Amino acid sequence: MTSVIFNDAPVTWRQSDGLTPYPQAHDYMKDKALKIATEAAKEEVWLLEHPPLYTAGTSANKSDLVEPDKFEVFQTGRGGQYTYHGPGQRVAYVMLDLRKRGRDVAAFVRTLEQWVINSLAEFNITAERRCGRVGVWVVREGGREEKIAAIGVRLKKWVSFHGISINVNPDLSHFGGIVPCGITEHGVTSLSDLGVAASMADLDAVLKTQFARLFSPTF
């Protein structure tokens, strides 16, 4: 794994090639959040991919882990339930100081959702939020709703970590080992599954542009 850091803006952008082990990323985020809280580091967005694993949020129900031996399961402190991370999924960890941004967690989550929605619109994908279901959804033929992006965050001294994950071209069968986010009546999809042949680089460029439009010092 190699990382490239773009450090010429108020928010540092880190982009890692290859697959970053989840425990390594988790430890990095916690340490970075504490440094941001003490103004020893700049805010940061980290773009990466993980090896296949399931992560359990603070609301995870063990019955939703359908195949516990399929992949490693990591107990994480973010909000939410079980989710999957793996190759072909763009993860963006967002370490921002909400003391500068209104201290409004609900507004922060809505802005993360809007960031994904605006970015997917650049690929002619109509994505939407749903009341009571954190994340970003698309409507398929016949009205079936499928999740294309997950969102889970945690705050430490008003600094966020964890963030978003967008399905670009992952193996969607890997989601079958869990009930994603505890929701059984809806499926999962990806840009590739929707017929959009976008690369990680294509998505990253759009994410950076849309981030700058949405995440000012106040949301």
C-alpha atoms as a PDB file:
ATOM      1  CA  MET A   1       0.000   0.000   0.000  1.00  0.00           C
ATOM      2  CA  THR A   2       1.274   3.460  -0.894  1.00  0.00           C
ATOM      3  CA  SER A   3      -0.276   6.814  -0.022  1.00  0.00           C
ATOM      4  CA  VAL A   4      -0.193  10.126  -1.837  1.00  0.00           C
ATOM      5  CA  ILE A   5      -0.920  13.245   0.213  1.00  0.00           C
ATOM      6  CA  PHE A   6      -2.299  16.469  -1.280  1.00  0.00           C
ATOM      7  CA  ASN A   7      -1.572  19.046   1.405  1.00  0.00           C
ATOM      8  CA  ASP A   8      -2.069  22.391  -0.299  1.00  0.00           C
ATOM      9  CA  ALA A   9      -5.610  23.055   0.894  1.00  0.00           C
ATOM     10  CA  PRO A  10      -7.365  23.670   4.256  1.00  0.00           C
ATOM     11  CA  VAL A  11      -8.314  19.969   4.233  1.00  0.00           C
ATOM     12  CA  THR A  12      -5.587  17.422   3.525  1.00  0.00           C
ATOM     13  CA  TRP A  13      -6.425  14.704   0.993  1.00  0.00           C
ATOM     14  CA  ARG A  14      -4.757  11.298   1.367  1.00  0.00           C
ATOM     15  CA  GLN A  15      -5.149   8.655  -1.316  1.00  0.00           C
ATOM     16  CA  SER A  16      -3.875   5.095  -0.834  1.00  0.00           C
ATOM     17  CA  ASP A  17      -3.244   2.536  -3.549  1.00  0.00           C
ATOM     18  CA  GLY A  18      -3.735  -1.178  -2.968  1.00  0.00           C
ATOM     19  CA  LEU A  19      -5.736  -2.566  -0.051  1.00  0.00           C
ATOM     20  CA  THR A  20      -5.353  -0.997   3.398  1.00  0.00           C
ATOM     21  CA  PRO A  21      -5.925  -3.383   6.361  1.00  0.00           C
ATOM     22  CA  TYR A  22      -8.916  -2.170   8.341  1.00  0.00           C
ATOM     23  CA  PRO A  23      -7.251  -2.226  11.807  1.00  0.00           C
ATOM     24  CA  GLN A  24      -4.434  -0.048  10.466  1.00  0.00           C
ATOM     25  CA  ALA A  25      -6.901   2.463   9.071  1.00  0.00           C
ATOM     26  CA  HIS A  26      -8.964   2.428  12.260  1.00  0.00           C
ATOM     27  CA  ASP A  27      -5.942   3.225  14.439  1.00  0.00           C
ATOM     28  CA  TYR A  28      -4.825   5.961  12.066  1.00  0.00           C
ATOM     29  CA  MET A  29      -8.245   7.652  12.118  1.00  0.00           C
ATOM     30  CA  LYS A  30      -8.464   7.631  15.914  1.00  0.00           C
ATOM     31  CA  ASP A  31      -4.992   9.142  16.234  1.00  0.00           C
ATOM     32  CA  LYS A  32      -5.627  11.727  13.537  1.00  0.00           C
ATOM     33  CA  ALA A  33      -8.934  12.795  15.111  1.00  0.00           C
ATOM     34  CA  LEU A  34      -7.212  13.452  18.438  1.00  0.00           C
ATOM     35  CA  LYS A  35      -4.514  15.499  16.703  1.00  0.00           C
ATOM     36  CA  ILE A  36      -7.126  17.549  14.872  1.00  0.00           C
ATOM     37  CA  ALA A  37      -8.963  18.141  18.160  1.00  0.00           C
ATOM     38  CA  THR A  38      -5.794  19.631  19.665  1.00  0.00           C
ATOM     39  CA  GLU A  39      -5.024  21.551  16.457  1.00  0.00           C
ATOM     40  CA  ALA A  40      -1.864  19.493  15.968  1.00  0.00           C
ATOM     41  CA  ALA A  41      -3.024  18.390  12.501  1.00  0.00           C
ATOM     42  CA  LYS A  42      -5.201  19.619   9.645  1.00  0.00           C
ATOM     43  CA  GLU A  43      -8.558  18.137   8.781  1.00  0.00           C
ATOM     44  CA  GLU A  44      -8.275  15.206   6.397  1.00  0.00           C
ATOM     45  CA  VAL A  45     -10.152  13.068   3.882  1.00  0.00           C
ATOM     46  CA  TRP A  46      -8.621   9.644   3.187  1.00  0.00           C
ATOM     47  CA  LEU A  47      -9.550   7.688   0.042  1.00  0.00           C
ATOM     48  CA  LEU A  48      -8.808   3.952   0.141  1.00  0.00           C
ATOM     49  CA  GLU A  49      -9.976   0.366  -0.352  1.00  0.00           C
ATOM     50  CA  HIS A  50      -9.969  -2.490   2.168  1.00  0.00           C
ATOM     51  CA  PRO A  51      -9.501  -6.236   1.877  1.00  0.00           C
ATOM     52  CA  PRO A  52     -12.845  -8.092   2.245  1.00  0.00           C
ATOM     53  CA  LEU A  53     -14.268  -7.855   5.779  1.00  0.00           C
ATOM     54  CA  TYR A  54     -17.408  -7.103   7.750  1.00  0.00           C
ATOM     55  CA  THR A  55     -17.510  -4.297  10.290  1.00  0.00           C
ATOM     56  CA  ALA A  56     -19.958  -4.126  13.190  1.00  0.00           C
ATOM     57  CA  GLY A  57     -21.236  -0.771  14.389  1.00  0.00           C
ATOM     58  CA  THR A  58     -22.514   0.033  17.854  1.00  0.00           C
ATOM     59  CA  SER A  59     -26.062  -1.104  16.945  1.00  0.00           C
ATOM     60  CA  ALA A  60     -25.068  -4.392  15.283  1.00  0.00           C
ATOM     61  CA  ASN A  61     -27.371  -7.350  15.941  1.00  0.00           C
ATOM     62  CA  LYS A  62     -25.532 -10.689  15.954  1.00  0.00           C
ATOM     63  CA  SER A  63     -28.414 -12.362  14.131  1.00  0.00           C
ATOM     64  CA  ASP A  64     -27.605 -10.129  11.134  1.00  0.00           C
ATOM     65  CA  LEU A  65     -24.212 -11.834  10.766  1.00  0.00           C
ATOM     66  CA  VAL A  66     -25.500 -14.595   8.489  1.00  0.00           C
ATOM     67  CA  GLU A  67     -22.115 -16.160   7.643  1.00  0.00           C
ATOM     68  CA  PRO A  68     -19.746 -15.373  10.539  1.00  0.00           C
ATOM     69  CA  ASP A  69     -16.893 -17.374   9.010  1.00  0.00           C
ATOM     70  CA  LYS A  70     -17.056 -15.840   5.534  1.00  0.00           C
ATOM     71  CA  PHE A  71     -14.748 -12.897   6.286  1.00  0.00           C
ATOM     72  CA  GLU A  72     -13.024 -11.277   9.268  1.00  0.00           C
ATOM     73  CA  VAL A  73     -15.408  -9.306  11.465  1.00  0.00           C
ATOM     74  CA  PHE A  74     -14.120  -6.091  13.056  1.00  0.00           C
ATOM     75  CA  GLN A  75     -15.931  -4.480  15.981  1.00  0.00           C
ATOM     76  CA  THR A  76     -15.767  -0.765  15.329  1.00  0.00           C
ATOM     77  CA  GLY A  77     -17.015   2.211  17.295  1.00  0.00           C
ATOM     78  CA  ARG A  78     -18.903   3.901  14.483  1.00  0.00           C
ATOM     79  CA  GLY A  79     -22.662   4.186  14.509  1.00  0.00           C
ATOM     80  CA  GLY A  80     -24.795   1.714  12.603  1.00  0.00           C
ATOM     81  CA  GLN A  81     -24.944  -2.034  12.183  1.00  0.00           C
ATOM     82  CA  TYR A  82     -23.084  -4.531   9.968  1.00  0.00           C
ATOM     83  CA  THR A  83     -21.568  -3.453   6.689  1.00  0.00           C
ATOM     84  CA  TYR A  84     -19.156  -4.870   4.161  1.00  0.00           C
ATOM     85  CA  HIS A  85     -15.894  -3.392   2.897  1.00  0.00           C
ATOM     86  CA  GLY A  86     -13.818  -4.813   0.100  1.00  0.00           C
ATOM     87  CA  PRO A  87     -12.056  -4.300  -3.227  1.00  0.00           C
ATOM     88  CA  GLY A  88     -14.039  -2.264  -5.712  1.00  0.00           C
ATOM     89  CA  GLN A  89     -15.568  -0.095  -3.014  1.00  0.00           C
ATOM     90  CA  ARG A  90     -14.378   3.481  -2.558  1.00  0.00           C
ATOM     91  CA  VAL A  91     -14.085   4.310   1.109  1.00  0.00           C
ATOM     92  CA  ALA A  92     -13.677   7.948   2.112  1.00  0.00           C
ATOM     93  CA  TYR A  93     -12.777   8.522   5.755  1.00  0.00           C
ATOM     94  CA  VAL A  94     -13.699  12.052   6.744  1.00  0.00           C
ATOM     95  CA  MET A  95     -11.873  13.602   9.679  1.00  0.00           C
ATOM     96  CA  LEU A  96     -13.407  17.050  10.134  1.00  0.00           C
ATOM     97  CA  ASP A  97     -13.619  19.437  13.091  1.00  0.00           C
ATOM     98  CA  LEU A  98     -17.317  20.022  13.720  1.00  0.00           C
ATOM     99  CA  ARG A  99     -16.484  22.735  16.253  1.00  0.00           C
ATOM    100  CA  LYS A 100     -15.796  24.877  13.169  1.00  0.00           C
ATOM    101  CA  ARG A 101     -18.893  23.620  11.386  1.00  0.00           C
ATOM    102  CA  GLY A 102     -21.837  24.246  13.685  1.00  0.00           C
ATOM    103  CA  ARG A 103     -21.628  21.208  16.017  1.00  0.00           C
ATOM    104  CA  ASP A 104     -24.667  19.766  14.228  1.00  0.00           C
ATOM    105  CA  VAL A 105     -24.282  16.000  13.789  1.00  0.00           C
ATOM    106  CA  ALA A 106     -27.544  15.571  11.875  1.00  0.00           C
ATOM    107  CA  ALA A 107     -26.546  18.304   9.416  1.00  0.00           C
ATOM    108  CA  PHE A 108     -23.151  16.659   9.031  1.00  0.00           C
ATOM    109  CA  VAL A 109     -24.672  13.284   8.137  1.00  0.00           C
ATOM    110  CA  ARG A 110     -27.100  14.917   5.690  1.00  0.00           C
ATOM    111  CA  THR A 111     -24.185  16.701   4.041  1.00  0.00           C
ATOM    112  CA  LEU A 112     -22.285  13.425   3.702  1.00  0.00           C
ATOM    113  CA  GLU A 113     -25.354  11.942   2.015  1.00  0.00           C
ATOM    114  CA  GLN A 114     -25.641  14.959  -0.273  1.00  0.00           C
ATOM    115  CA  TRP A 115     -21.947  14.640  -1.132  1.00  0.00           C
ATOM    116  CA  VAL A 116     -22.599  11.132  -2.430  1.00  0.00           C
ATOM    117  CA  ILE A 117     -25.846  12.110  -4.181  1.00  0.00           C
ATOM    118  CA  ASN A 118     -24.210  15.028  -6.002  1.00  0.00           C
ATOM    119  CA  SER A 119     -21.209  12.906  -6.966  1.00  0.00           C
ATOM    120  CA  LEU A 120     -23.325  10.085  -8.384  1.00  0.00           C
ATOM    121  CA  ALA A 121     -25.375  12.605 -10.365  1.00  0.00           C
ATOM    122  CA  GLU A 122     -22.208  13.340 -12.340  1.00  0.00           C
ATOM    123  CA  PHE A 123     -22.488   9.756 -13.650  1.00  0.00           C
ATOM    124  CA  ASN A 124     -26.191  10.183 -14.467  1.00  0.00           C
ATOM    125  CA  ILE A 125     -27.221   8.119 -11.442  1.00  0.00           C
ATOM    126  CA  THR A 126     -30.252   9.405  -9.557  1.00  0.00           C
ATOM    127  CA  ALA A 127     -29.558   8.642  -5.905  1.00  0.00           C
ATOM    128  CA  GLU A 128     -31.682   9.594  -2.923  1.00  0.00           C
ATOM    129  CA  ARG A 129     -31.770   9.607   0.852  1.00  0.00           C
ATOM    130  CA  ARG A 130     -34.526   7.861   2.793  1.00  0.00           C
ATOM    131  CA  CYS A 131     -36.039   8.932   6.107  1.00  0.00           C
ATOM    132  CA  GLY A 132     -35.019   6.477   8.817  1.00  0.00           C
ATOM    133  CA  ARG A 133     -32.435   4.755   6.594  1.00  0.00           C
ATOM    134  CA  VAL A 134     -28.993   6.355   6.710  1.00  0.00           C
ATOM    135  CA  GLY A 135     -27.167   5.913   3.428  1.00  0.00           C
ATOM    136  CA  VAL A 136     -27.822   6.562  -0.244  1.00  0.00           C
ATOM    137  CA  TRP A 137     -30.298   4.617  -2.382  1.00  0.00           C
ATOM    138  CA  VAL A 138     -31.309   4.108  -6.008  1.00  0.00           C
ATOM    139  CA  VAL A 139     -34.653   2.914  -7.350  1.00  0.00           C
ATOM    140  CA  ARG A 140     -34.517   0.061  -9.887  1.00  0.00           C
ATOM    141  CA  GLU A 141     -37.138  -1.081 -12.355  1.00  0.00           C
ATOM    142  CA  GLY A 142     -40.253  -2.242 -10.583  1.00  0.00           C
ATOM    143  CA  GLY A 143     -39.630   0.167  -7.700  1.00  0.00           C
ATOM    144  CA  ARG A 144     -37.063  -1.971  -5.851  1.00  0.00           C
ATOM    145  CA  GLU A 145     -34.737   0.204  -3.771  1.00  0.00           C
ATOM    146  CA  GLU A 146     -31.088  -0.756  -3.509  1.00  0.00           C
ATOM    147  CA  LYS A 147     -28.307   0.759  -1.456  1.00  0.00           C
ATOM    148  CA  ILE A 148     -25.312   2.102  -3.329  1.00  0.00           C
ATOM    149  CA  ALA A 149     -23.486   3.876  -0.496  1.00  0.00           C
ATOM    150  CA  ALA A 150     -23.207   3.431   3.263  1.00  0.00           C
ATOM    151  CA  ILE A 151     -22.506   6.094   5.873  1.00  0.00           C
ATOM    152  CA  GLY A 152     -21.246   5.622   9.412  1.00  0.00           C
ATOM    153  CA  VAL A 153     -19.500   8.164  11.608  1.00  0.00           C
ATOM    154  CA  ARG A 154     -18.152   8.635  15.078  1.00  0.00           C
ATOM    155  CA  LEU A 155     -17.147  11.811  16.905  1.00  0.00           C
ATOM    156  CA  LYS A 156     -14.273  12.308  19.329  1.00  0.00           C
ATOM    157  CA  LYS A 157     -14.118  15.751  20.928  1.00  0.00           C
ATOM    158  CA  TRP A 158     -16.319  16.968  18.047  1.00  0.00           C
ATOM    159  CA  VAL A 159     -13.941  15.632  15.399  1.00  0.00           C
ATOM    160  CA  SER A 160     -15.437  13.082  13.018  1.00  0.00           C
ATOM    161  CA  PHE A 161     -13.922   9.879  11.763  1.00  0.00           C
ATOM    162  CA  HIS A 162     -15.117   6.916   9.685  1.00  0.00           C
ATOM    163  CA  GLY A 163     -17.238   8.226   6.791  1.00  0.00           C
ATOM    164  CA  ILE A 164     -18.715   6.908   3.552  1.00  0.00           C
ATOM    165  CA  SER A 165     -18.334   3.900   1.251  1.00  0.00           C
ATOM    166  CA  ILE A 166     -19.535   3.863  -2.358  1.00  0.00           C
ATOM    167  CA  ASN A 167     -19.917   0.653  -4.329  1.00  0.00           C
ATOM    168  CA  VAL A 168     -18.045   1.107  -7.595  1.00  0.00           C
ATOM    169  CA  ASN A 169     -17.501  -2.472  -8.781  1.00  0.00           C
ATOM    170  CA  PRO A 170     -17.274  -4.780  -5.734  1.00  0.00           C
ATOM    171  CA  ASP A 171     -18.339  -8.423  -5.670  1.00  0.00           C
ATOM    172  CA  LEU A 172     -21.925  -7.867  -4.568  1.00  0.00           C
ATOM    173  CA  SER A 173     -22.238 -11.506  -3.477  1.00  0.00           C
ATOM    174  CA  HIS A 174     -19.963 -10.640  -0.543  1.00  0.00           C
ATOM    175  CA  PHE A 175     -22.842  -8.686   1.001  1.00  0.00           C
ATOM    176  CA  GLY A 176     -24.692 -11.992   1.347  1.00  0.00           C
ATOM    177  CA  GLY A 177     -22.870 -12.893   4.553  1.00  0.00           C
ATOM    178  CA  ILE A 178     -24.665 -10.134   6.476  1.00  0.00           C
ATOM    179  CA  VAL A 179     -27.944  -8.298   6.586  1.00  0.00           C
ATOM    180  CA  PRO A 180     -26.513  -4.940   5.439  1.00  0.00           C
ATOM    181  CA  CYS A 181     -27.358  -2.273   8.004  1.00  0.00           C
ATOM    182  CA  GLY A 182     -30.048  -4.593   9.404  1.00  0.00           C
ATOM    183  CA  ILE A 183     -32.336  -4.041   6.408  1.00  0.00           C
ATOM    184  CA  THR A 184     -33.725  -7.177   4.759  1.00  0.00           C
ATOM    185  CA  GLU A 185     -36.305  -5.778   2.358  1.00  0.00           C
ATOM    186  CA  HIS A 186     -33.841  -3.907   0.122  1.00  0.00           C
ATOM    187  CA  GLY A 187     -30.795  -4.965  -1.868  1.00  0.00           C
ATOM    188  CA  VAL A 188     -27.399  -3.489  -2.704  1.00  0.00           C
ATOM    189  CA  THR A 189     -26.071  -2.225  -6.007  1.00  0.00           C
ATOM    190  CA  SER A 190     -23.015  -0.535  -7.516  1.00  0.00           C
ATOM    191  CA  LEU A 191     -22.047   1.782 -10.339  1.00  0.00           C
ATOM    192  CA  SER A 192     -21.010  -1.265 -12.365  1.00  0.00           C
ATOM    193  CA  ASP A 193     -24.275  -3.081 -11.601  1.00  0.00           C
ATOM    194  CA  LEU A 194     -26.122  -0.021 -12.902  1.00  0.00           C
ATOM    195  CA  GLY A 195     -24.158  -0.159 -16.153  1.00  0.00           C
ATOM    196  CA  VAL A 196     -21.787   2.715 -15.337  1.00  0.00           C
ATOM    197  CA  ALA A 197     -18.176   1.924 -16.254  1.00  0.00           C
ATOM    198  CA  ALA A 198     -16.483   4.437 -13.960  1.00  0.00           C
ATOM    199  CA  SER A 199     -13.013   3.973 -12.493  1.00  0.00           C
ATOM    200  CA  MET A 200     -11.914   4.832  -8.975  1.00  0.00           C
ATOM    201  CA  ALA A 201      -9.988   7.758 -10.442  1.00  0.00           C
ATOM    202  CA  ASP A 202     -13.151   9.028 -12.143  1.00  0.00           C
ATOM    203  CA  LEU A 203     -15.087   8.875  -8.879  1.00  0.00           C
ATOM    204  CA  ASP A 204     -12.265  10.409  -6.842  1.00  0.00           C
ATOM    205  CA  ALA A 205     -12.113  13.450  -9.116  1.00  0.00           C
ATOM    206  CA  VAL A 206     -15.844  14.035  -8.724  1.00  0.00           C
ATOM    207  CA  LEU A 207     -15.743  13.484  -4.948  1.00  0.00           C
ATOM    208  CA  LYS A 208     -13.052  16.150  -4.572  1.00  0.00           C
ATOM    209  CA  THR A 209     -14.996  18.680  -6.640  1.00  0.00           C
ATOM    210  CA  GLN A 210     -18.281  18.073  -4.828  1.00  0.00           C
ATOM    211  CA  PHE A 211     -16.603  18.097  -1.419  1.00  0.00           C
ATOM    212  CA  ALA A 212     -15.272  21.597  -2.051  1.00  0.00           C
ATOM    213  CA  ARG A 213     -18.790  22.770  -2.949  1.00  0.00           C
ATOM    214  CA  LEU A 214     -20.459  21.354   0.162  1.00  0.00           C
ATOM    215  CA  PHE A 215     -17.968  21.366   3.018  1.00  0.00           C
ATOM    216  CA  SER A 216     -17.184  24.968   3.724  1.00  0.00           C
ATOM    217  CA  PRO A 217     -16.274  26.055   7.289  1.00  0.00           C
ATOM    218  CA  THR A 218     -20.021  25.838   7.918  1.00  0.00           C
ATOM    219  CA  PHE A 219     -22.216  23.294   6.141  1.00  0.00           C
END
